[in-house]
Structures are given as C-alpha cells and as structure tokens.
C-alpha cells in the first residue's frame, strides 16, 4: 500500500517521498482514509508508530491556504511534544502551496514560557494550524485572539498524558467551544475511563483504529536488567554499568526533579558528559540543552518522564531506567525511544530485590524473559577499558601525528626495550583515563536467587495495582515528576 492509495494528492506524496516516507505505517494506513472521509477517529497507538503523520497529512490535504484563520487545533501535553509535532507538520507542508496565490501553510506553536505577545502577533498575521498545550490555548482563547469559528479539526495527541498531568478539564473546556461541525481525532496510548468518557461526550460516532504494540521488539532493542545489591545506592551501581556500556547517547530516566539534579551533579563530578532535563528548567534552557544533545556536545541526559515528552533524537543508543516507571506502558514508551528507523538500541533497568514482581509484569508485556545481571566487577571494567585502548592505539598507528613522537622513542630505546616503552606509554594513557569514582569490589554481592512467585496479583502499597495498572502511590508519583 502507498500513500496515493490512501487518498493523498500526488504533490503531497511527492513531498513525503523527498522526506523518505515511502510506505505508510499501520496506524497511518488505518487513520488517514477515515480522516479524509470526515470521520471522528480514536487511535490507540504508542509514540514511534507514525501517528503525527496519521493525523496531520489528511488535515494538510484539506486545509484552505487562502483562509488565514486557525482551521486545525492540535493539543499536546507538553511544549516539547508541541514543538515536535509542529516541526513534522512544517516538513510535510514545505512545498504545498495554494494554486491561486502561492501562500504556504502556516503552523503556530503556543505554550507557556514563550512570549505571548509573539504568539498574539502571529495569530493576528494569520495562521492555518495551531499546535499547543491546553493551558496556553485557553489563555489565548480568553483574550479573544485565538478564535475557533473556523476550526474544522481538533486533535488530542497523547490524551492519556494530558489526563495524567491534570489537563482533562482544560481539554473539555476547549472542546466545548469548538464549532459543532468539526472532526475530532483522539490518539492515546492507553484508554483510561476518563478518556473513554471524553470520547463518548465529544466525538460523533467515532471509528477506532489500533495497532499492535511494536515497542519492545527484541530484534531492535536489547533489554538488560541489573540488580542493585542490598546495601548499595543506585548511583554506586550505575557508574560501573555506564563504564562497561559506554553509551554514545543516552537518556537516563528518573522519577523526580531532585533526583535528576542530584544524579547529574554526581555524574559530572565523576567526569561524565551529562546534563539534567526537567520541569524546573526554562524553555530557553531546554532548547539549548536539546540542541547540544543533538549535536553530541552532551552525551547523556538525566530526565523526568514528563519533561522528556518530545525529546527524541535519531542517534539515541541507550535508555536507562534509573528509577522504575510508574506503569508498564511507560516502560514500553521509554525504551521505544531507541532502536528506531531500523537501528538497534539498548534498554537498561536498575532494580532492587523487591522489584521482582514488576519485572514479571514487564516480561509478560514484552513476551520474553529478561535475565538479571550482576553489577560489573573491576576485572570486567578493566577488560573493557583495555579493549577500548587497543582500538585507540590502532587508530593512532594509522594517523599522521605519530611521526612527531618517533624521535622520543629513539632516545628511549638507548636504555629500554621497545615493547617496554610501548607498555609504559599505554600505562600512562590508561591511568589518565581512570574513572573518577569509588573503587569497585572485585566481586559485587551475589544476586538474590529467590524465585518469583507466580500468580500472586494481590495489590500492595508500593507494588502493582492490577485494577489501575500502576506501581506505588499514584498521587505521589505524579506530583514528583
């Protein structure tokens, strides 16, 4: 099946082809024809399945470029996701012009932390699509500068996240003010009761489209679990893991802003290239950090779940669950940030002995058994570092700068054997790159081999609640993020 088969125009398909979109994903194949036919749509799909194109392409196909009034409103839970959606729409609409006056399709992002005056000026100049967070959208509506008279499409992107962040009443207020003759598209990874109620209230005879969850495909994502020994802190356990894994680019997920700041400080003190990413940062700080991360100027980002929404990079090699997520679906969403576009990725989780039930639930979800590994020992770390040193020496031997050191070697050869000189040079390099953190035990404590009891789903505080599908206390976990 091609995008032409779905009903998109040749000009839009040509643009997609230039962007490398040659074949629709399952969610696109299901949703695009329904939206083009004017149906309300409920889509259950994870991030990474192509849902942004699924709702934006049929909207771009039908929007009127000559009417410079908001015709589509896309609500997202975070500013980062709003920016990500807007960038995708701008890519898709890059060469689409009106046949009458050549006007482009203009997309505006609106969210808190950005100049409201700039957003108001853009609305007054005229835009076709508005992508934003519910709070700022309502602020602009209340000021009378964001008028919904010509809205034909409303998209709720990641509706369950807007619910978990407390935006559900804002969403209801927005939906209550859009014209009755409009389409609503609701995408949500999960369908809690309040989202189902929202759908029943505002959507007209919606068609439901779903896709199989592809996020934990073992051929693309290698999942590893490390047990934190009793008496050890997570930070003590994480550093040898990082030294052994040596992630090129990683997101380290933590539960709270305070943990993000503390862990980042510890990693930076140990000499690692890391920075924090959470809700206390200003928008300009977030944008600068994201730019540095995409340019590989920062290798690792320590982030909370909510702040990391929309934080996607092509070169991400590792996802590390320093703190366990609050539910299994969040785990799937986290690890799915790596191993995209045919690439491979690694997902690492740190667990405590009491987290074995959580591991069992994940194993059921990903349909595979996850082996629990011991924290790397000193000998493993040293073997890894020597292997890396071997590669560095080979690269140096193939380079041009080596010639400037040959005279020094000749002088040393008068008193020492050549192999002894080489070994001494390697020792100096090895010692200079010694990681700046506490020494490892040669053999970390053994993993508790107590078997997991199967079939016991009794909820307990701090454990899995089978009815609501989360771990720990819901209010506490949401407030801390």
Protein backbone atom coordinates (compact mmCIF):
# COMPACT_ATOMS: atom_id res chain seq x y z
CA UNK A 1 0.00 0.00 0.00
CA UNK A 2 1.21 3.51 -0.84
CA UNK A 3 0.22 6.99 0.31
CA UNK A 4 -1.51 7.51 -3.03
CA UNK A 5 -3.70 4.50 -2.26
CA UNK A 6 -4.78 6.22 0.98
CA UNK A 7 -6.20 9.19 -0.96
CA UNK A 8 -3.43 11.77 -0.60
CA UNK A 9 -2.61 14.06 -3.51
CA UNK A 10 0.36 13.50 -5.78
CA UNK A 11 2.01 16.77 -4.68
CA UNK A 12 1.86 15.81 -1.01
CA UNK A 13 3.08 12.28 -1.74
CA UNK A 14 5.97 13.73 -3.72
CA UNK A 15 6.94 15.80 -0.68
CA UNK A 16 6.75 12.71 1.53
CA UNK A 17 8.96 10.81 -0.87
CA UNK A 18 11.62 13.53 -0.64
CA UNK A 19 11.47 13.23 3.14
CA UNK A 20 11.99 9.48 2.92
CA UNK A 21 8.38 8.43 3.67
CA UNK A 22 7.72 5.79 1.06
CA UNK A 23 5.27 3.43 2.74
CA UNK A 24 2.58 4.20 5.34
CA UNK A 25 2.78 2.66 8.78
CA UNK A 26 -0.18 0.57 10.01
CA UNK A 27 -1.67 3.45 12.02
CA UNK A 28 -1.36 5.77 9.01
CA UNK A 29 -2.95 3.22 6.69
CA UNK A 30 -5.94 2.95 9.01
CA UNK A 31 -6.41 6.56 10.11
CA UNK A 32 -5.70 8.66 7.01
CA UNK A 33 -8.63 7.38 4.87
CA UNK A 34 -11.06 7.76 7.79
CA UNK A 35 -9.99 11.35 8.48
CA UNK A 36 -10.18 12.20 4.77
CA UNK A 37 -13.76 10.89 4.79
CA UNK A 38 -14.68 13.24 7.63
CA UNK A 39 -14.97 10.63 10.40
CA UNK A 40 -14.08 11.23 14.01
CA UNK A 41 -11.25 8.88 14.94
CA UNK A 42 -9.98 7.28 18.14
CA UNK A 43 -6.47 5.92 17.69
CA UNK A 44 -4.75 3.71 20.25
CA UNK A 45 -1.08 3.84 19.39
CA UNK A 46 2.28 4.30 21.07
CA UNK A 47 4.79 7.02 20.24
CA UNK A 48 7.02 5.99 17.34
CA UNK A 49 4.26 4.40 15.24
CA UNK A 50 3.80 7.40 12.94
CA UNK A 51 0.69 8.93 14.48
CA UNK A 52 1.77 12.53 13.81
CA UNK A 53 1.66 11.90 10.07
CA UNK A 54 -1.56 9.91 10.53
CA UNK A 55 -3.49 13.00 11.63
CA UNK A 56 -1.50 15.84 10.03
CA UNK A 57 -1.37 14.57 6.44
CA UNK A 58 -5.16 14.41 5.87
CA UNK A 59 -5.52 17.81 7.55
CA UNK A 60 -2.86 19.34 5.29
CA UNK A 61 -4.62 17.77 2.32
CA UNK A 62 -7.85 19.62 3.07
CA UNK A 63 -6.86 22.89 4.76
CA UNK A 64 -7.65 26.07 2.80
CA UNK A 65 -4.42 28.08 2.32
CA UNK A 66 -6.38 31.22 1.38
CA UNK A 67 -8.25 31.30 4.70
CA UNK A 68 -5.65 32.60 7.11
CA UNK A 69 -7.59 31.64 10.19
CA UNK A 70 -6.98 28.68 12.52
CA UNK A 71 -8.59 25.68 10.87
CA UNK A 72 -6.93 22.92 12.91
CA UNK A 73 -6.14 22.85 16.63
CA UNK A 74 -3.77 20.19 17.95
CA UNK A 75 -3.49 19.81 21.72
CA UNK A 76 -0.41 18.18 23.27
CA UNK A 77 0.54 17.57 26.92
CA UNK A 78 3.94 19.32 26.79
CA UNK A 79 5.72 22.10 24.97
CA UNK A 80 8.36 19.66 23.71
CA UNK A 81 5.77 17.48 22.03
CA UNK A 82 4.07 20.58 20.58
CA UNK A 83 7.39 21.62 19.03
CA UNK A 84 8.00 18.12 17.70
CA UNK A 85 4.54 17.94 16.09
CA UNK A 86 4.88 21.41 14.61
CA UNK A 87 8.28 20.57 13.09
CA UNK A 88 6.83 17.46 11.48
CA UNK A 89 3.89 19.41 10.04
CA UNK A 90 6.23 22.06 8.65
CA UNK A 91 8.28 19.33 6.97
CA UNK A 92 5.17 17.74 5.48
CA UNK A 93 3.81 21.08 4.21
CA UNK A 94 7.12 22.50 2.97
CA UNK A 95 6.22 22.69 -0.74
CA UNK A 96 2.44 22.66 -0.55
CA UNK A 97 1.14 25.98 -1.93
CA UNK A 98 -2.19 27.42 -2.95
CA UNK A 99 -2.82 27.26 -6.68
CA UNK A 100 -4.26 30.78 -6.52
CA UNK A 101 -1.75 32.94 -4.65
CA UNK A 102 1.10 30.65 -3.60
CA UNK A 103 0.58 31.10 0.15
CA UNK A 104 2.17 28.47 2.33
CA UNK A 105 0.51 26.64 5.18
CA UNK A 106 1.47 28.40 8.43
CA UNK A 107 1.70 26.48 11.69
CA UNK A 108 1.99 28.18 15.10
CA UNK A 109 3.09 26.57 18.35
CA UNK A 110 1.71 28.05 21.58
CA UNK A 111 2.79 27.09 25.09
CA UNK A 112 3.75 28.61 28.42
CA UNK A 113 7.24 30.03 28.82
CA UNK A 114 7.14 31.54 25.34
CA UNK A 115 6.34 35.20 24.64
CA UNK A 116 2.56 35.58 24.50
CA UNK A 117 2.96 38.81 22.55
CA UNK A 118 4.79 36.92 19.81
CA UNK A 119 2.02 34.32 19.70
CA UNK A 120 -0.66 37.03 19.55
CA UNK A 121 1.17 38.82 16.71
CA UNK A 122 1.39 35.56 14.74
CA UNK A 123 -2.32 34.90 15.20
CA UNK A 124 -3.15 38.41 14.03
CA UNK A 125 -1.00 37.92 10.90
CA UNK A 126 -2.86 34.72 10.18
CA UNK A 127 -2.09 31.03 10.66
CA UNK A 128 -3.74 27.83 9.49
CA UNK A 129 -2.81 25.31 12.19
CA UNK A 130 -2.25 25.85 15.92
CA UNK A 131 -0.32 23.31 17.98
CA UNK A 132 -0.15 23.90 21.70
CA UNK A 133 -0.63 22.95 25.31
CA UNK A 134 -4.14 23.27 26.77
CA UNK A 135 -3.27 25.99 29.28
CA UNK A 136 -1.81 28.45 26.77
CA UNK A 137 -4.55 27.68 24.23
CA UNK A 138 -7.18 28.67 26.82
CA UNK A 139 -5.22 31.83 27.73
CA UNK A 140 -5.29 32.92 24.10
CA UNK A 141 -8.96 31.99 23.76
CA UNK A 142 -9.84 34.03 26.87
CA UNK A 143 -8.00 37.04 25.43
CA UNK A 144 -10.08 36.75 22.27
CA UNK A 145 -7.07 36.39 19.97
CA UNK A 146 -7.45 32.66 19.28
CA UNK A 147 -10.83 32.35 17.62
CA UNK A 148 -12.26 28.92 16.97
CA UNK A 149 -15.01 29.95 14.50
CA UNK A 150 -13.24 28.30 11.55
CA UNK A 151 -11.88 25.25 13.32
CA UNK A 152 -12.57 22.12 11.28
CA UNK A 153 -10.25 19.67 13.03
CA UNK A 154 -9.28 19.15 16.66
CA UNK A 155 -6.57 16.63 17.53
CA UNK A 156 -5.88 15.33 21.04
CA UNK A 157 -2.34 13.96 20.89
CA UNK A 158 -1.39 11.66 23.79
CA UNK A 159 -4.70 12.21 25.55
CA UNK A 160 -3.80 9.91 28.43
CA UNK A 161 -0.75 12.04 29.22
CA UNK A 162 -2.92 15.17 29.30
CA UNK A 163 -5.14 13.32 31.74
CA UNK A 164 -2.24 12.26 33.99
CA UNK A 165 -0.90 15.84 34.02
CA UNK A 166 -4.25 17.24 35.15
CA UNK A 167 -5.27 18.90 31.87
CA UNK A 168 -8.50 16.98 31.31
CA UNK A 169 -10.75 19.87 32.41
CA UNK A 170 -8.87 22.26 30.12
CA UNK A 171 -9.34 19.84 27.23
CA UNK A 172 -13.06 19.65 27.95
CA UNK A 173 -13.28 23.45 28.01
CA UNK A 174 -11.61 23.71 24.61
CA UNK A 175 -13.78 21.00 23.06
CA UNK A 176 -16.87 22.70 24.44
CA UNK A 177 -16.11 25.86 22.44
CA UNK A 178 -15.27 24.46 19.01
CA UNK A 179 -17.96 24.57 16.28
CA UNK A 180 -20.38 21.62 16.24
CA UNK A 181 -19.43 20.79 12.66
CA UNK A 182 -15.86 19.64 13.18
CA UNK A 183 -13.79 16.49 13.27
CA UNK A 184 -12.09 15.29 16.42
CA UNK A 185 -9.15 12.89 16.36
CA UNK A 186 -8.03 11.43 19.69
CA UNK A 187 -4.75 9.50 19.98
CA UNK A 188 -3.92 7.80 23.25
CA UNK A 189 -1.54 5.01 24.19
CA UNK A 190 -3.99 3.79 26.83
CA UNK A 191 -7.72 4.29 27.31
CA UNK A 192 -8.50 5.03 30.97
CA UNK A 193 -12.12 5.60 31.97
CA UNK A 194 -11.94 9.41 31.82
CA UNK A 195 -10.63 9.32 28.25
CA UNK A 196 -13.44 6.96 27.28
CA UNK A 197 -15.92 9.39 28.86
CA UNK A 198 -14.35 12.27 26.92
CA UNK A 199 -14.69 10.32 23.67
CA UNK A 200 -18.32 9.46 24.41
CA UNK A 201 -19.16 13.10 25.16
CA UNK A 202 -17.48 14.96 22.30
CA UNK A 203 -16.83 12.57 19.40
CA UNK A 204 -19.57 11.72 16.91
CA UNK A 205 -19.80 8.03 16.01
CA UNK A 206 -16.00 7.64 16.02
CA UNK A 207 -14.14 4.87 14.25
CA UNK A 208 -11.46 3.18 16.33
CA UNK A 209 -8.06 2.31 14.88
CA UNK A 210 -5.41 0.37 16.75
CA UNK A 211 -2.01 -1.07 16.03
CA UNK A 212 -0.09 -3.86 17.70
CA UNK A 213 2.47 -2.65 20.21
CA UNK A 214 5.86 -2.85 18.46
CA UNK A 215 7.95 -1.13 21.07
CA UNK A 216 9.91 -3.95 22.66
CA UNK A 217 10.89 -5.91 19.57
CA UNK A 218 13.86 -8.00 20.71
CA UNK A 219 15.48 -7.75 17.30
CA UNK A 220 15.84 -3.97 17.71
CA UNK A 221 16.07 -3.34 21.45
CA UNK A 222 18.28 -5.35 23.75
CA UNK A 223 16.81 -5.19 27.24
CA UNK A 224 19.15 -5.60 30.19
CA UNK A 225 18.34 -5.68 33.89
CA UNK A 226 20.89 -5.05 36.65
CA UNK A 227 20.16 -5.89 40.27
CA UNK A 228 21.30 -3.26 42.77
CA UNK A 229 22.83 -5.27 45.64
CA UNK A 230 21.47 -4.80 49.13
CA UNK A 231 23.34 -2.01 50.90
CA UNK A 232 24.31 -0.30 47.62
CA UNK A 233 22.96 3.02 46.34
CA UNK A 234 21.71 3.22 42.77
CA UNK A 235 24.41 5.74 41.95
CA UNK A 236 27.10 3.34 43.12
CA UNK A 237 25.59 0.63 40.93
CA UNK A 238 25.06 2.89 37.89
CA UNK A 239 28.62 4.12 37.41
CA UNK A 240 30.26 0.74 36.68
CA UNK A 241 27.35 -0.05 34.36
CA UNK A 242 27.96 3.19 32.45
CA UNK A 243 31.67 2.46 32.32
CA UNK A 244 31.03 -1.00 30.86
CA UNK A 245 28.25 0.05 28.48
CA UNK A 246 29.85 3.37 27.45
CA UNK A 247 26.63 4.75 25.86
CA UNK A 248 27.20 7.06 22.91
CA UNK A 249 23.94 8.90 23.59
CA UNK A 250 21.55 8.04 26.42
CA UNK A 251 18.51 9.26 28.31
CA UNK A 252 18.61 8.29 31.99
CA UNK A 253 15.06 8.34 33.36
CA UNK A 254 14.46 9.33 36.97
CA UNK A 255 11.24 9.91 38.88
CA UNK A 256 11.79 13.38 40.36
CA UNK A 257 13.43 16.68 39.53
CA UNK A 258 15.51 16.49 42.70
CA UNK A 259 16.92 13.10 41.65
CA UNK A 260 17.70 14.46 38.19
CA UNK A 261 19.69 17.36 39.66
CA UNK A 262 21.48 15.18 42.21
CA UNK A 263 22.41 12.40 39.78
CA UNK A 264 23.57 14.89 37.14
CA UNK A 265 25.85 16.58 39.65
CA UNK A 266 27.32 13.22 40.67
CA UNK A 267 27.92 12.16 37.06
CA UNK A 268 29.52 15.48 36.16
CA UNK A 269 31.77 15.27 39.24
CA UNK A 270 32.84 11.82 38.07
CA UNK A 271 33.90 13.29 34.72
CA UNK A 272 30.97 12.21 32.58
CA UNK A 273 29.32 14.31 29.87
CA UNK A 274 25.82 14.64 31.38
CA UNK A 275 23.16 17.28 31.99
CA UNK A 276 19.72 17.45 33.60
CA UNK A 277 16.36 17.93 31.85
CA UNK A 278 13.25 18.55 33.95
CA UNK A 279 10.35 20.90 34.58
CA UNK A 280 12.35 23.45 36.59
CA UNK A 281 14.34 24.47 33.50
CA UNK A 282 13.19 27.45 31.47
CA UNK A 283 12.19 26.96 27.86
CA UNK A 284 15.40 28.56 26.60
CA UNK A 285 17.46 26.25 28.84
CA UNK A 286 15.62 23.21 27.49
CA UNK A 287 16.11 24.27 23.89
CA UNK A 288 19.83 24.91 24.39
CA UNK A 289 20.30 21.53 26.06
CA UNK A 290 18.35 19.72 23.37
CA UNK A 291 20.49 21.39 20.70
CA UNK A 292 23.69 20.35 22.50
CA UNK A 293 22.38 16.80 22.87
CA UNK A 294 21.51 16.52 19.18
CA UNK A 295 24.95 17.89 18.30
CA UNK A 296 26.57 15.27 20.59
CA UNK A 297 28.03 18.01 22.77
CA UNK A 298 26.29 16.30 25.70
CA UNK A 299 26.23 12.51 25.70
CA UNK A 300 23.77 11.71 28.47
CA UNK A 301 20.60 13.46 29.63
CA UNK A 302 19.06 12.77 33.04
CA UNK A 303 15.34 13.42 32.61
CA UNK A 304 11.91 13.02 34.17
CA UNK A 305 9.17 11.40 32.08
CA UNK A 306 7.00 14.47 31.64
CA UNK A 307 9.89 16.77 30.70
CA UNK A 308 11.18 14.22 28.20
CA UNK A 309 7.97 14.19 26.15
CA UNK A 310 9.01 15.16 22.63
CA UNK A 311 12.72 14.75 23.46
CA UNK A 312 13.57 12.49 20.53
CA UNK A 313 16.93 12.16 18.79
CA UNK A 314 17.97 9.90 15.95
CA UNK A 315 21.29 8.82 17.45
CA UNK A 316 19.99 7.63 20.84
CA UNK A 317 21.79 4.37 21.65
CA UNK A 318 20.67 3.71 25.25
CA UNK A 319 17.68 4.25 27.50
CA UNK A 320 18.40 3.74 31.20
CA UNK A 321 15.67 3.29 33.80
CA UNK A 322 17.46 4.62 36.89
CA UNK A 323 14.07 4.82 38.60
CA UNK A 324 11.32 2.43 37.60
CA UNK A 325 8.43 3.96 35.67
CA UNK A 326 5.00 4.16 37.27
CA UNK A 327 3.42 1.64 34.88
CA UNK A 328 4.32 -0.95 32.29
CA UNK A 329 3.16 1.18 29.35
CA UNK A 330 5.55 3.94 30.38
CA UNK A 331 8.36 1.38 30.33
CA UNK A 332 7.40 0.47 26.75
CA UNK A 333 7.30 4.14 25.81
CA UNK A 334 10.69 4.82 27.38
CA UNK A 335 12.61 2.01 25.74
CA UNK A 336 10.94 2.71 22.40
CA UNK A 337 12.92 5.94 22.11
CA UNK A 338 15.90 3.86 20.97
CA UNK A 339 16.02 1.22 18.26
CA UNK A 340 14.08 3.35 15.77
CA UNK A 341 14.29 3.55 11.98
CA UNK A 342 15.85 0.12 11.70
CA UNK A 343 18.60 0.86 14.21
CA UNK A 344 19.41 -1.21 17.27
CA UNK A 345 19.26 0.06 20.83
CA UNK A 346 19.85 -0.95 24.42
CA UNK A 347 17.43 -0.54 27.33
CA UNK A 348 18.88 -0.89 30.83
CA UNK A 349 16.87 -1.08 34.07
CA UNK A 350 18.16 -0.90 37.63
CA UNK A 351 16.01 -2.87 40.03
CA UNK A 352 16.04 -3.68 43.74
CA UNK A 353 15.29 -7.13 45.21
CA UNK A 354 11.70 -6.07 45.93
CA UNK A 355 11.08 -5.20 42.25
CA UNK A 356 10.87 -8.77 41.01
CA UNK A 357 7.07 -8.62 40.65
CA UNK A 358 7.46 -5.52 38.48
CA UNK A 359 9.95 -7.40 36.31
CA UNK A 360 7.48 -10.26 35.94
CA UNK A 361 4.81 -7.86 34.63
CA UNK A 362 7.23 -6.39 32.11
CA UNK A 363 8.19 -9.86 30.93
CA UNK A 364 4.54 -10.63 30.31
CA UNK A 365 4.15 -7.38 28.37
CA UNK A 366 7.22 -7.83 26.14
CA UNK A 367 6.69 -11.60 25.90
CA UNK A 368 10.23 -12.56 26.83
CA UNK A 369 12.30 -13.45 29.87
CA UNK A 370 14.74 -10.78 30.98
CA UNK A 371 17.87 -12.08 32.64
CA UNK A 372 19.11 -10.27 35.74
CA UNK A 373 22.80 -9.39 35.62
CA UNK A 374 25.27 -8.62 38.39
CA UNK A 375 26.88 -5.21 38.66
CA UNK A 376 30.10 -5.28 36.56
CA UNK A 377 33.22 -6.14 38.53
CA UNK A 378 36.59 -4.39 38.45
CA UNK A 379 38.05 -7.05 36.15
CA UNK A 380 35.20 -6.61 33.66
CA UNK A 381 35.65 -2.83 33.65
CA UNK A 382 39.40 -3.13 33.16
CA UNK A 383 38.96 -5.62 30.31
CA UNK A 384 36.56 -3.21 28.64
CA UNK A 385 38.92 -0.27 29.06
CA UNK A 386 41.87 -2.24 27.66
CA UNK A 387 39.75 -3.24 24.68
CA UNK A 388 38.92 0.41 24.07
CA UNK A 389 42.58 1.36 24.49
CA UNK A 390 43.52 -1.24 21.90
CA UNK A 391 41.28 0.45 19.35
CA UNK A 392 42.64 3.88 20.17
CA UNK A 393 46.22 2.68 19.65
CA UNK A 394 45.33 1.14 16.29
CA UNK A 395 43.79 4.43 15.19
CA UNK A 396 46.90 6.32 16.31
CA UNK A 397 49.15 3.96 14.36
CA UNK A 398 47.15 4.75 11.24
CA UNK A 399 47.39 8.52 11.77
CA UNK A 400 49.95 11.15 10.83
CA UNK A 401 50.77 12.63 14.27
CA UNK A 402 52.67 9.52 15.37
CA UNK A 403 55.79 10.65 13.45
CA UNK A 404 56.37 13.56 15.87
CA UNK A 405 56.95 11.07 18.70
CA UNK A 406 59.37 8.73 16.89
CA UNK A 407 62.42 10.78 17.93
CA UNK A 408 61.43 10.41 21.59
CA UNK A 409 61.08 6.66 21.13
CA UNK A 410 64.54 6.51 19.53
CA UNK A 411 66.05 8.26 22.55
CA UNK A 412 64.33 5.91 24.99
CA UNK A 413 65.44 2.84 23.02
CA UNK A 414 69.02 3.53 24.10
CA UNK A 415 68.05 2.41 27.62
CA UNK A 416 64.85 0.37 27.25
CA UNK A 417 63.32 -2.31 25.06
CA UNK A 418 60.76 -1.11 22.50
CA UNK A 419 57.97 -3.25 23.94
CA UNK A 420 58.67 -1.86 27.45
CA UNK A 421 58.44 1.71 26.12
CA UNK A 422 55.11 0.93 24.45
CA UNK A 423 53.75 -0.68 27.62
CA UNK A 424 54.79 2.33 29.73
CA UNK A 425 53.05 4.72 27.30
CA UNK A 426 49.90 2.63 27.43
CA UNK A 427 50.03 2.59 31.22
CA UNK A 428 50.22 6.40 31.29
CA UNK A 429 47.22 6.70 28.98
CA UNK A 430 45.30 4.09 30.93
CA UNK A 431 45.95 5.80 34.26
CA UNK A 432 44.98 9.22 32.90
CA UNK A 433 41.61 7.89 31.80
CA UNK A 434 40.92 6.10 35.09
CA UNK A 435 37.27 6.83 36.00
CA UNK A 436 36.90 9.27 38.87
CA UNK A 437 34.65 7.25 41.17
CA UNK A 438 34.99 4.88 44.07
CA UNK A 439 36.76 1.58 43.51
CA UNK A 440 34.71 -1.45 42.61
CA UNK A 441 34.73 -4.62 44.56
CA UNK A 442 36.30 -7.43 42.59
CA UNK A 443 33.08 -9.43 43.00
CA UNK A 444 29.89 -7.48 43.78
CA UNK A 445 27.40 -9.28 46.03
CA UNK A 446 25.54 -12.22 44.58
CA UNK A 447 22.06 -11.66 43.19
CA UNK A 448 19.27 -12.86 45.43
CA UNK A 449 18.19 -16.08 43.75
CA UNK A 450 14.82 -16.31 45.50
CA UNK A 451 12.32 -17.35 42.81
CA UNK A 452 9.40 -15.19 41.77
CA UNK A 453 6.05 -16.45 42.99
CA UNK A 454 3.73 -16.78 40.03
CA UNK A 455 0.05 -15.98 40.04
CA UNK A 456 0.06 -13.67 43.08
CA UNK A 457 -1.52 -10.39 41.93
CA UNK A 458 -2.60 -9.06 45.31
CA UNK A 459 -2.09 -5.27 45.28
CA UNK A 460 0.12 -3.79 47.97
CA UNK A 461 1.48 -0.35 48.74
CA UNK A 462 4.50 0.25 46.56
CA UNK A 463 3.56 -2.65 44.28
CA UNK A 464 1.45 -3.17 41.19
CA UNK A 465 -2.22 -2.29 41.32
CA UNK A 466 -3.93 -4.65 38.89
CA UNK A 467 -7.04 -2.51 38.56
CA UNK A 468 -5.35 0.80 37.74
CA UNK A 469 -2.17 -0.59 36.19
CA UNK A 470 0.44 1.38 38.12
CA UNK A 471 3.13 0.90 40.73
CA UNK A 472 3.32 2.74 44.02
CA UNK A 473 1.13 5.63 45.06
CA UNK A 474 -0.45 7.42 42.08
CA UNK A 475 -0.68 10.89 43.62
CA UNK A 476 2.83 10.76 44.98
CA UNK A 477 4.38 9.61 41.73
CA UNK A 478 2.58 12.16 39.55
CA UNK A 479 3.37 15.04 41.89
CA UNK A 480 7.05 14.25 42.00
CA UNK A 481 7.64 14.20 38.26
